């Protein structure tokens, strides 16, 4: 009987603890929330996004994956984080290498909030790069992000080309390294000269047409930070659900142990950081 009472007490404590943790994680009972977590193996799905590849993630109708590029950048990333936290949703951030070097604590803040941390290039070149330059930019971007986080395990094997300026050579290189290339399904157009309200209307219209998918935004944009709470409310009101994409456990890029130490995995390359600039 005493053993049974102790077990019941222990179970009660566990339930109380878990309930309390859940309440702390989401204090808003009307929040949009995350409908499910989607683990992805980059080797089985190396290219994704209907805009470039004609395929997307295995999502049900009206499921949305929120993604943000080019950050972090205070104070706008801070505001994006608050909007996401207020609605208890999680996103994927494609961190720019030079921004990770400039604001490492903020990269750790993204991680601490439970978001997935993918990578961009180091310097955001808005053009198609030569294979040599692409390799340097890709690896340096990952190295900077891994350095900010202090752990190779914290960097997801997810990558997005700046401006979606992809090349087959760079895609092949990323695939050889076990890194998944992300395109998009729906663009927020937050870099264009449109108002925040027009942006929300355009996003919702395009999500209705595509029935959900991967949504691209930029956490460095002031109007994105300002309109995000409205967008999240609209998603909930119109029956869209948020999916949090994460790498399947045990599938980090094969070279991240080298990248985290600043060593180039490709023969003949040396990555040197000088005030956030990468030199070969």
C-alpha atoms as a PDB file:
ATOM      1  CA  UNK A   1       0.000   0.000   0.000  1.00  0.00           C
ATOM      2  CA  UNK A   2       2.831   2.391   0.965  1.00  0.00           C
ATOM      3  CA  UNK A   3       4.563   1.606  -2.361  1.00  0.00           C
ATOM      4  CA  UNK A   4       1.330   2.365  -4.216  1.00  0.00           C
ATOM      5  CA  UNK A   5       0.902   5.671  -2.386  1.00  0.00           C
ATOM      6  CA  UNK A   6       4.500   6.667  -3.190  1.00  0.00           C
ATOM      7  CA  UNK A   7       3.981   5.826  -6.876  1.00  0.00           C
ATOM      8  CA  UNK A   8       0.718   7.753  -6.987  1.00  0.00           C
ATOM      9  CA  UNK A   9       2.388  10.738  -5.319  1.00  0.00           C
ATOM     10  CA  UNK A  10       5.287  10.604  -7.768  1.00  0.00           C
ATOM     11  CA  UNK A  11       2.894  10.370 -10.706  1.00  0.00           C
ATOM     12  CA  UNK A  12       0.912  13.319  -9.363  1.00  0.00           C
ATOM     13  CA  UNK A  13       4.088  15.392  -9.046  1.00  0.00           C
ATOM     14  CA  UNK A  14       5.099  14.513 -12.609  1.00  0.00           C
ATOM     15  CA  UNK A  15       1.675  15.502 -13.909  1.00  0.00           C
ATOM     16  CA  UNK A  16       1.741  18.763 -11.968  1.00  0.00           C
ATOM     17  CA  UNK A  17       5.239  19.521 -13.210  1.00  0.00           C
ATOM     18  CA  UNK A  18       4.344  18.776 -16.839  1.00  0.00           C
ATOM     19  CA  UNK A  19       1.146  20.810 -16.632  1.00  0.00           C
ATOM     20  CA  UNK A  20       3.060  23.726 -15.160  1.00  0.00           C
ATOM     21  CA  UNK A  21       5.728  23.487 -17.861  1.00  0.00           C
ATOM     22  CA  UNK A  22       3.111  23.427 -20.571  1.00  0.00           C
ATOM     23  CA  UNK A  23       1.392  26.460 -19.084  1.00  0.00           C
ATOM     24  CA  UNK A  24       4.687  28.331 -19.000  1.00  0.00           C
ATOM     25  CA  UNK A  25       5.389  27.411 -22.596  1.00  0.00           C
ATOM     26  CA  UNK A  26       2.052  28.827 -23.739  1.00  0.00           C
ATOM     27  CA  UNK A  27       0.288  31.223 -21.420  1.00  0.00           C
ATOM     28  CA  UNK A  28      -2.223  32.235 -24.103  1.00  0.00           C
ATOM     29  CA  UNK A  29      -5.173  29.798 -24.159  1.00  0.00           C
ATOM     30  CA  UNK A  30      -6.333  31.261 -27.485  1.00  0.00           C
ATOM     31  CA  UNK A  31      -2.932  31.024 -29.145  1.00  0.00           C
ATOM     32  CA  UNK A  32      -2.448  29.733 -32.666  1.00  0.00           C
ATOM     33  CA  UNK A  33       0.133  27.239 -31.396  1.00  0.00           C
ATOM     34  CA  UNK A  34       2.013  24.502 -33.242  1.00  0.00           C
ATOM     35  CA  UNK A  35      -0.248  21.788 -34.622  1.00  0.00           C
ATOM     36  CA  UNK A  36       2.573  19.269 -35.094  1.00  0.00           C
ATOM     37  CA  UNK A  37       6.328  18.835 -35.365  1.00  0.00           C
ATOM     38  CA  UNK A  38       7.658  17.521 -38.675  1.00  0.00           C
ATOM     39  CA  UNK A  39      11.040  15.706 -38.516  1.00  0.00           C
ATOM     40  CA  UNK A  40      12.859  15.764 -41.862  1.00  0.00           C
ATOM     41  CA  UNK A  41      15.742  13.627 -43.137  1.00  0.00           C
ATOM     42  CA  UNK A  42      17.759  15.844 -45.539  1.00  0.00           C
ATOM     43  CA  UNK A  43      19.035  12.787 -47.394  1.00  0.00           C
ATOM     44  CA  UNK A  44      15.554  11.679 -48.410  1.00  0.00           C
ATOM     45  CA  UNK A  45      14.352  15.208 -49.238  1.00  0.00           C
ATOM     46  CA  UNK A  46      17.425  17.236 -50.350  1.00  0.00           C
ATOM     47  CA  UNK A  47      15.471  19.904 -52.295  1.00  0.00           C
ATOM     48  CA  UNK A  48      12.154  21.388 -51.222  1.00  0.00           C
ATOM     49  CA  UNK A  49       9.906  24.300 -52.180  1.00  0.00           C
ATOM     50  CA  UNK A  50       7.480  24.414 -55.093  1.00  0.00           C
ATOM     51  CA  UNK A  51       8.760  27.787 -56.317  1.00  0.00           C
ATOM     52  CA  UNK A  52      11.994  26.208 -57.563  1.00  0.00           C
ATOM     53  CA  UNK A  53      11.560  22.454 -57.306  1.00  0.00           C
ATOM     54  CA  UNK A  54       7.885  21.680 -57.866  1.00  0.00           C
ATOM     55  CA  UNK A  55       7.664  19.777 -54.568  1.00  0.00           C
ATOM     56  CA  UNK A  56       7.125  20.876 -51.004  1.00  0.00           C
ATOM     57  CA  UNK A  57       7.220  19.396 -47.545  1.00  0.00           C
ATOM     58  CA  UNK A  58       4.745  16.601 -46.721  1.00  0.00           C
ATOM     59  CA  UNK A  59       2.092  18.979 -45.432  1.00  0.00           C
ATOM     60  CA  UNK A  60      -1.636  18.541 -45.141  1.00  0.00           C
ATOM     61  CA  UNK A  61      -3.947  21.171 -46.655  1.00  0.00           C
ATOM     62  CA  UNK A  62      -3.797  24.482 -44.739  1.00  0.00           C
ATOM     63  CA  UNK A  63      -0.581  23.625 -42.921  1.00  0.00           C
ATOM     64  CA  UNK A  64       2.073  26.362 -42.935  1.00  0.00           C
ATOM     65  CA  UNK A  65       5.778  26.367 -42.121  1.00  0.00           C
ATOM     66  CA  UNK A  66       6.966  29.841 -41.105  1.00  0.00           C
ATOM     67  CA  UNK A  67      10.495  30.749 -42.235  1.00  0.00           C
ATOM     68  CA  UNK A  68      12.594  33.890 -41.777  1.00  0.00           C
ATOM     69  CA  UNK A  69      15.749  34.927 -43.654  1.00  0.00           C
ATOM     70  CA  UNK A  70      18.690  37.313 -43.239  1.00  0.00           C
ATOM     71  CA  UNK A  71      18.719  37.869 -39.475  1.00  0.00           C
ATOM     72  CA  UNK A  72      19.178  38.293 -36.713  1.00  0.00           C
ATOM     73  CA  UNK A  73      18.960  42.068 -36.493  1.00  0.00           C
ATOM     74  CA  UNK A  74      17.804  43.994 -33.434  1.00  0.00           C
ATOM     75  CA  UNK A  75      15.297  45.341 -32.709  1.00  0.00           C
ATOM     76  CA  UNK A  76      13.265  43.662 -35.449  1.00  0.00           C
ATOM     77  CA  UNK A  77      14.191  40.057 -34.682  1.00  0.00           C
ATOM     78  CA  UNK A  78      13.285  40.752 -31.040  1.00  0.00           C
ATOM     79  CA  UNK A  79       9.813  41.865 -32.134  1.00  0.00           C
ATOM     80  CA  UNK A  80       9.428  38.827 -34.373  1.00  0.00           C
ATOM     81  CA  UNK A  81      10.378  36.575 -31.473  1.00  0.00           C
ATOM     82  CA  UNK A  82       7.820  38.243 -29.221  1.00  0.00           C
ATOM     83  CA  UNK A  83       5.047  37.879 -31.806  1.00  0.00           C
ATOM     84  CA  UNK A  84       5.853  34.187 -32.243  1.00  0.00           C
ATOM     85  CA  UNK A  85       6.015  33.641 -28.474  1.00  0.00           C
ATOM     86  CA  UNK A  86       2.707  35.411 -27.914  1.00  0.00           C
ATOM     87  CA  UNK A  87       1.035  32.929 -30.268  1.00  0.00           C
ATOM     88  CA  UNK A  88       3.154  29.970 -29.083  1.00  0.00           C
ATOM     89  CA  UNK A  89       4.406  29.120 -32.565  1.00  0.00           C
ATOM     90  CA  UNK A  90       7.842  28.094 -33.781  1.00  0.00           C
ATOM     91  CA  UNK A  91       9.577  28.872 -37.029  1.00  0.00           C
ATOM     92  CA  UNK A  92      12.729  28.146 -39.024  1.00  0.00           C
ATOM     93  CA  UNK A  93      15.336  30.911 -39.195  1.00  0.00           C
ATOM     94  CA  UNK A  94      17.903  30.913 -42.004  1.00  0.00           C
ATOM     95  CA  UNK A  95      20.615  32.892 -40.245  1.00  0.00           C
ATOM     96  CA  UNK A  96      23.045  35.041 -42.229  1.00  0.00           C
ATOM     97  CA  UNK A  97      26.646  34.326 -41.241  1.00  0.00           C
ATOM     98  CA  UNK A  98      27.790  37.899 -40.794  1.00  0.00           C
ATOM     99  CA  UNK A  99      24.712  38.616 -38.652  1.00  0.00           C
ATOM    100  CA  UNK A 100      25.520  35.608 -36.475  1.00  0.00           C
ATOM    101  CA  UNK A 101      29.002  37.050 -35.926  1.00  0.00           C
ATOM    102  CA  UNK A 102      27.552  40.473 -35.116  1.00  0.00           C
ATOM    103  CA  UNK A 103      24.761  39.249 -32.802  1.00  0.00           C
ATOM    104  CA  UNK A 104      25.690  35.813 -31.417  1.00  0.00           C
ATOM    105  CA  UNK A 105      23.577  36.267 -28.290  1.00  0.00           C
ATOM    106  CA  UNK A 106      20.512  36.800 -30.440  1.00  0.00           C
ATOM    107  CA  UNK A 107      21.198  33.595 -32.369  1.00  0.00           C
ATOM    108  CA  UNK A 108      21.267  31.823 -29.021  1.00  0.00           C
ATOM    109  CA  UNK A 109      18.005  33.554 -28.156  1.00  0.00           C
ATOM    110  CA  UNK A 110      16.421  32.039 -31.271  1.00  0.00           C
ATOM    111  CA  UNK A 111      17.660  28.640 -30.158  1.00  0.00           C
ATOM    112  CA  UNK A 112      16.468  29.163 -26.592  1.00  0.00           C
ATOM    113  CA  UNK A 113      12.966  29.950 -27.844  1.00  0.00           C
ATOM    114  CA  UNK A 114      12.862  26.549 -29.532  1.00  0.00           C
ATOM    115  CA  UNK A 115      13.077  27.666 -33.158  1.00  0.00           C
ATOM    116  CA  UNK A 116      14.942  25.723 -35.828  1.00  0.00           C
ATOM    117  CA  UNK A 117      18.241  27.369 -36.819  1.00  0.00           C
ATOM    118  CA  UNK A 118      19.194  26.872 -40.462  1.00  0.00           C
ATOM    119  CA  UNK A 119      21.712  28.902 -42.452  1.00  0.00           C
ATOM    120  CA  UNK A 120      22.083  31.361 -45.296  1.00  0.00           C
ATOM    121  CA  UNK A 121      25.407  32.311 -46.838  1.00  0.00           C
ATOM    122  CA  UNK A 122      27.954  34.466 -45.017  1.00  0.00           C
ATOM    123  CA  UNK A 123      27.551  37.743 -46.934  1.00  0.00           C
ATOM    124  CA  UNK A 124      24.232  37.536 -48.821  1.00  0.00           C
ATOM    125  CA  UNK A 125      25.442  37.844 -52.425  1.00  0.00           C
ATOM    126  CA  UNK A 126      22.402  38.628 -54.581  1.00  0.00           C
ATOM    127  CA  UNK A 127      23.545  36.748 -57.663  1.00  0.00           C
ATOM    128  CA  UNK A 128      24.453  33.266 -58.801  1.00  0.00           C
ATOM    129  CA  UNK A 129      27.879  32.367 -57.484  1.00  0.00           C
ATOM    130  CA  UNK A 130      30.723  30.398 -58.996  1.00  0.00           C
ATOM    131  CA  UNK A 131      31.216  26.956 -57.431  1.00  0.00           C
ATOM    132  CA  UNK A 132      34.281  28.214 -55.566  1.00  0.00           C
ATOM    133  CA  UNK A 133      32.585  31.275 -54.159  1.00  0.00           C
ATOM    134  CA  UNK A 134      29.438  29.330 -53.293  1.00  0.00           C
ATOM    135  CA  UNK A 135      31.443  26.800 -51.285  1.00  0.00           C
ATOM    136  CA  UNK A 136      33.170  29.521 -49.286  1.00  0.00           C
ATOM    137  CA  UNK A 137      29.922  31.415 -48.629  1.00  0.00           C
ATOM    138  CA  UNK A 138      27.981  28.294 -47.627  1.00  0.00           C
ATOM    139  CA  UNK A 139      30.622  26.910 -45.294  1.00  0.00           C
ATOM    140  CA  UNK A 140      31.403  30.259 -43.697  1.00  0.00           C
ATOM    141  CA  UNK A 141      27.713  30.896 -43.057  1.00  0.00           C
ATOM    142  CA  UNK A 142      27.394  27.574 -41.264  1.00  0.00           C
ATOM    143  CA  UNK A 143      30.645  28.159 -39.366  1.00  0.00           C
ATOM    144  CA  UNK A 144      29.522  31.553 -38.090  1.00  0.00           C
ATOM    145  CA  UNK A 145      26.172  30.182 -36.925  1.00  0.00           C
ATOM    146  CA  UNK A 146      27.773  27.175 -35.242  1.00  0.00           C
ATOM    147  CA  UNK A 147      30.253  29.491 -33.528  1.00  0.00           C
ATOM    148  CA  UNK A 148      27.440  31.694 -32.208  1.00  0.00           C
ATOM    149  CA  UNK A 149      25.584  28.684 -30.828  1.00  0.00           C
ATOM    150  CA  UNK A 150      28.701  27.013 -29.497  1.00  0.00           C
ATOM    151  CA  UNK A 151      27.524  23.625 -30.698  1.00  0.00           C
ATOM    152  CA  UNK A 152      27.499  21.881 -34.037  1.00  0.00           C
ATOM    153  CA  UNK A 153      24.428  19.927 -32.960  1.00  0.00           C
ATOM    154  CA  UNK A 154      22.367  23.112 -32.718  1.00  0.00           C
ATOM    155  CA  UNK A 155      22.670  23.989 -36.414  1.00  0.00           C
ATOM    156  CA  UNK A 156      20.017  22.302 -38.552  1.00  0.00           C
ATOM    157  CA  UNK A 157      21.162  20.882 -41.910  1.00  0.00           C
ATOM    158  CA  UNK A 158      18.820  23.336 -43.663  1.00  0.00           C
ATOM    159  CA  UNK A 159      20.051  26.006 -46.101  1.00  0.00           C
ATOM    160  CA  UNK A 160      18.444  28.653 -48.290  1.00  0.00           C
ATOM    161  CA  UNK A 161      20.107  30.586 -51.113  1.00  0.00           C
ATOM    162  CA  UNK A 162      19.884  34.392 -50.737  1.00  0.00           C
ATOM    163  CA  UNK A 163      17.329  35.696 -53.203  1.00  0.00           C
ATOM    164  CA  UNK A 164      16.835  32.037 -54.249  1.00  0.00           C
ATOM    165  CA  UNK A 165      19.817  32.469 -56.586  1.00  0.00           C
ATOM    166  CA  UNK A 166      20.585  28.778 -56.801  1.00  0.00           C
ATOM    167  CA  UNK A 167      22.939  26.815 -59.055  1.00  0.00           C
ATOM    168  CA  UNK A 168      23.036  23.107 -59.771  1.00  0.00           C
ATOM    169  CA  UNK A 169      26.690  22.977 -58.690  1.00  0.00           C
ATOM    170  CA  UNK A 170      25.926  24.539 -55.301  1.00  0.00           C
ATOM    171  CA  UNK A 171      22.897  22.269 -54.853  1.00  0.00           C
ATOM    172  CA  UNK A 172      25.061  19.238 -55.586  1.00  0.00           C
ATOM    173  CA  UNK A 173      27.677  20.441 -53.115  1.00  0.00           C
ATOM    174  CA  UNK A 174      25.096  20.895 -50.357  1.00  0.00           C
ATOM    175  CA  UNK A 175      23.615  17.489 -51.077  1.00  0.00           C
ATOM    176  CA  UNK A 176      27.070  15.899 -50.800  1.00  0.00           C
ATOM    177  CA  UNK A 177      27.392  17.470 -47.363  1.00  0.00           C
ATOM    178  CA  UNK A 178      24.001  16.259 -46.152  1.00  0.00           C
ATOM    179  CA  UNK A 179      22.446  19.731 -46.155  1.00  0.00           C
ATOM    180  CA  UNK A 180      18.888  20.222 -47.367  1.00  0.00           C
ATOM    181  CA  UNK A 181      18.145  23.141 -49.722  1.00  0.00           C
ATOM    182  CA  UNK A 182      14.954  25.088 -49.006  1.00  0.00           C
ATOM    183  CA  UNK A 183      13.102  27.150 -51.571  1.00  0.00           C
ATOM    184  CA  UNK A 184       9.609  28.517 -50.860  1.00  0.00           C
ATOM    185  CA  UNK A 185       5.944  27.980 -51.627  1.00  0.00           C
ATOM    186  CA  UNK A 186       4.644  31.458 -50.759  1.00  0.00           C
ATOM    187  CA  UNK A 187       6.536  34.760 -50.694  1.00  0.00           C
ATOM    188  CA  UNK A 188       5.566  37.515 -48.253  1.00  0.00           C
ATOM    189  CA  UNK A 189       7.009  40.205 -50.574  1.00  0.00           C
ATOM    190  CA  UNK A 190       8.102  42.028 -47.425  1.00  0.00           C
ATOM    191  CA  UNK A 191      11.132  43.436 -49.249  1.00  0.00           C
ATOM    192  CA  UNK A 192       8.888  45.241 -51.733  1.00  0.00           C
ATOM    193  CA  UNK A 193       7.333  48.690 -51.344  1.00  0.00           C
ATOM    194  CA  UNK A 194       3.970  47.616 -50.003  1.00  0.00           C
ATOM    195  CA  UNK A 195       2.229  48.354 -46.724  1.00  0.00           C
ATOM    196  CA  UNK A 196       2.001  45.886 -43.887  1.00  0.00           C
ATOM    197  CA  UNK A 197      -1.745  45.504 -44.436  1.00  0.00           C
ATOM    198  CA  UNK A 198      -1.252  44.843 -48.149  1.00  0.00           C
ATOM    199  CA  UNK A 199       1.377  42.285 -47.232  1.00  0.00           C
ATOM    200  CA  UNK A 200      -0.989  40.421 -44.901  1.00  0.00           C
ATOM    201  CA  UNK A 201      -3.714  40.393 -47.550  1.00  0.00           C
ATOM    202  CA  UNK A 202      -1.303  39.140 -50.215  1.00  0.00           C
ATOM    203  CA  UNK A 203       0.076  36.397 -47.977  1.00  0.00           C
ATOM    204  CA  UNK A 204      -3.367  35.166 -46.996  1.00  0.00           C
ATOM    205  CA  UNK A 205      -4.575  35.200 -50.603  1.00  0.00           C
ATOM    206  CA  UNK A 206      -1.546  33.228 -51.800  1.00  0.00           C
ATOM    207  CA  UNK A 207      -1.791  30.754 -48.923  1.00  0.00           C
ATOM    208  CA  UNK A 208      -5.432  30.151 -49.832  1.00  0.00           C
ATOM    209  CA  UNK A 209      -4.407  29.437 -53.432  1.00  0.00           C
ATOM    210  CA  UNK A 210      -1.561  27.111 -52.467  1.00  0.00           C
ATOM    211  CA  UNK A 211      -3.517  25.597 -49.535  1.00  0.00           C
ATOM    212  CA  UNK A 212      -0.597  26.309 -47.228  1.00  0.00           C
ATOM    213  CA  UNK A 213       3.112  25.581 -47.554  1.00  0.00           C
ATOM    214  CA  UNK A 214       6.487  27.161 -46.792  1.00  0.00           C
ATOM    215  CA  UNK A 215       6.131  30.908 -46.184  1.00  0.00           C
ATOM    216  CA  UNK A 216       9.148  33.195 -46.661  1.00  0.00           C
ATOM    217  CA  UNK A 217       9.582  36.306 -44.514  1.00  0.00           C
ATOM    218  CA  UNK A 218      12.560  38.383 -43.346  1.00  0.00           C
ATOM    219  CA  UNK A 219      13.090  39.119 -39.661  1.00  0.00           C
ATOM    220  CA  UNK A 220      15.272  42.130 -40.549  1.00  0.00           C
ATOM    221  CA  UNK A 221      12.295  44.006 -42.059  1.00  0.00           C
ATOM    222  CA  UNK A 222      10.561  46.569 -39.803  1.00  0.00           C
ATOM    223  CA  UNK A 223       7.166  46.072 -41.442  1.00  0.00           C
ATOM    224  CA  UNK A 224       7.421  42.292 -41.072  1.00  0.00           C
ATOM    225  CA  UNK A 225       8.006  42.676 -37.349  1.00  0.00           C
ATOM    226  CA  UNK A 226       5.070  45.095 -37.170  1.00  0.00           C
ATOM    227  CA  UNK A 227       2.570  43.059 -39.198  1.00  0.00           C
ATOM    228  CA  UNK A 228       3.418  39.591 -37.817  1.00  0.00           C
ATOM    229  CA  UNK A 229       0.892  39.634 -34.918  1.00  0.00           C
ATOM    230  CA  UNK A 230      -1.871  40.498 -37.400  1.00  0.00           C
ATOM    231  CA  UNK A 231      -0.760  37.769 -39.779  1.00  0.00           C
ATOM    232  CA  UNK A 232      -0.748  35.132 -37.039  1.00  0.00           C
ATOM    233  CA  UNK A 233      -4.252  36.147 -35.947  1.00  0.00           C
ATOM    234  CA  UNK A 234      -5.438  35.881 -39.553  1.00  0.00           C
ATOM    235  CA  UNK A 235      -3.923  32.417 -39.901  1.00  0.00           C
ATOM    236  CA  UNK A 236      -5.807  31.226 -36.826  1.00  0.00           C
ATOM    237  CA  UNK A 237      -9.087  32.854 -37.836  1.00  0.00           C
ATOM    238  CA  UNK A 238      -8.972  31.262 -41.291  1.00  0.00           C
ATOM    239  CA  UNK A 239      -8.148  27.771 -40.103  1.00  0.00           C
ATOM    240  CA  UNK A 240      -4.463  27.492 -41.013  1.00  0.00           C
ATOM    241  CA  UNK A 241      -2.212  25.397 -38.788  1.00  0.00           C
ATOM    242  CA  UNK A 242       1.474  25.872 -38.004  1.00  0.00           C
ATOM    243  CA  UNK A 243       3.940  23.016 -38.506  1.00  0.00           C
ATOM    244  CA  UNK A 244       7.382  23.180 -36.923  1.00  0.00           C
ATOM    245  CA  UNK A 245      10.013  21.595 -39.188  1.00  0.00           C
ATOM    246  CA  UNK A 246      13.017  20.034 -37.447  1.00  0.00           C
ATOM    247  CA  UNK A 247      15.869  17.805 -38.638  1.00  0.00           C
ATOM    248  CA  UNK A 248      15.379  14.150 -37.884  1.00  0.00           C
ATOM    249  CA  UNK A 249      17.559  13.281 -34.909  1.00  0.00           C
ATOM    250  CA  UNK A 250      20.896  11.764 -35.682  1.00  0.00           C
ATOM    251  CA  UNK A 251      21.139  13.383 -39.126  1.00  0.00           C
ATOM    252  CA  UNK A 252      23.483  16.383 -38.789  1.00  0.00           C
ATOM    253  CA  UNK A 253      25.606  17.359 -41.807  1.00  0.00           C
ATOM    254  CA  UNK A 254      28.654  15.123 -41.929  1.00  0.00           C
ATOM    255  CA  UNK A 255      31.024  18.114 -41.903  1.00  0.00           C
ATOM    256  CA  UNK A 256      29.612  20.176 -39.044  1.00  0.00           C
ATOM    257  CA  UNK A 257      32.266  18.964 -36.626  1.00  0.00           C
ATOM    258  CA  UNK A 258      34.863  20.564 -38.910  1.00  0.00           C
ATOM    259  CA  UNK A 259      32.764  23.643 -39.575  1.00  0.00           C
ATOM    260  CA  UNK A 260      32.299  24.333 -35.866  1.00  0.00           C
ATOM    261  CA  UNK A 261      36.079  24.542 -35.509  1.00  0.00           C
ATOM    262  CA  UNK A 262      36.404  26.827 -38.543  1.00  0.00           C
ATOM    263  CA  UNK A 263      38.070  24.160 -40.671  1.00  0.00           C
ATOM    264  CA  UNK A 264      37.033  23.877 -44.319  1.00  0.00           C
ATOM    265  CA  UNK A 265      35.875  20.365 -45.277  1.00  0.00           C
ATOM    266  CA  UNK A 266      36.604  20.934 -48.950  1.00  0.00           C
ATOM    267  CA  UNK A 267      40.192  20.484 -50.075  1.00  0.00           C
ATOM    268  CA  UNK A 268      42.097  23.667 -50.793  1.00  0.00           C
ATOM    269  CA  UNK A 269      39.957  26.081 -48.758  1.00  0.00           C
ATOM    270  CA  UNK A 270      40.760  28.077 -45.688  1.00  0.00           C
ATOM    271  CA  UNK A 271      38.066  30.233 -44.121  1.00  0.00           C
ATOM    272  CA  UNK A 272      39.325  33.380 -42.401  1.00  0.00           C
ATOM    273  CA  UNK A 273      37.077  35.836 -40.574  1.00  0.00           C
ATOM    274  CA  UNK A 274      37.965  39.519 -40.698  1.00  0.00           C
ATOM    275  CA  UNK A 275      35.239  41.776 -39.280  1.00  0.00           C
ATOM    276  CA  UNK A 276      32.560  39.487 -40.604  1.00  0.00           C
ATOM    277  CA  UNK A 277      34.065  39.210 -44.092  1.00  0.00           C
ATOM    278  CA  UNK A 278      35.132  35.896 -45.546  1.00  0.00           C
ATOM    279  CA  UNK A 279      38.352  35.641 -47.497  1.00  0.00           C
ATOM    280  CA  UNK A 280      39.717  32.748 -49.487  1.00  0.00           C
END
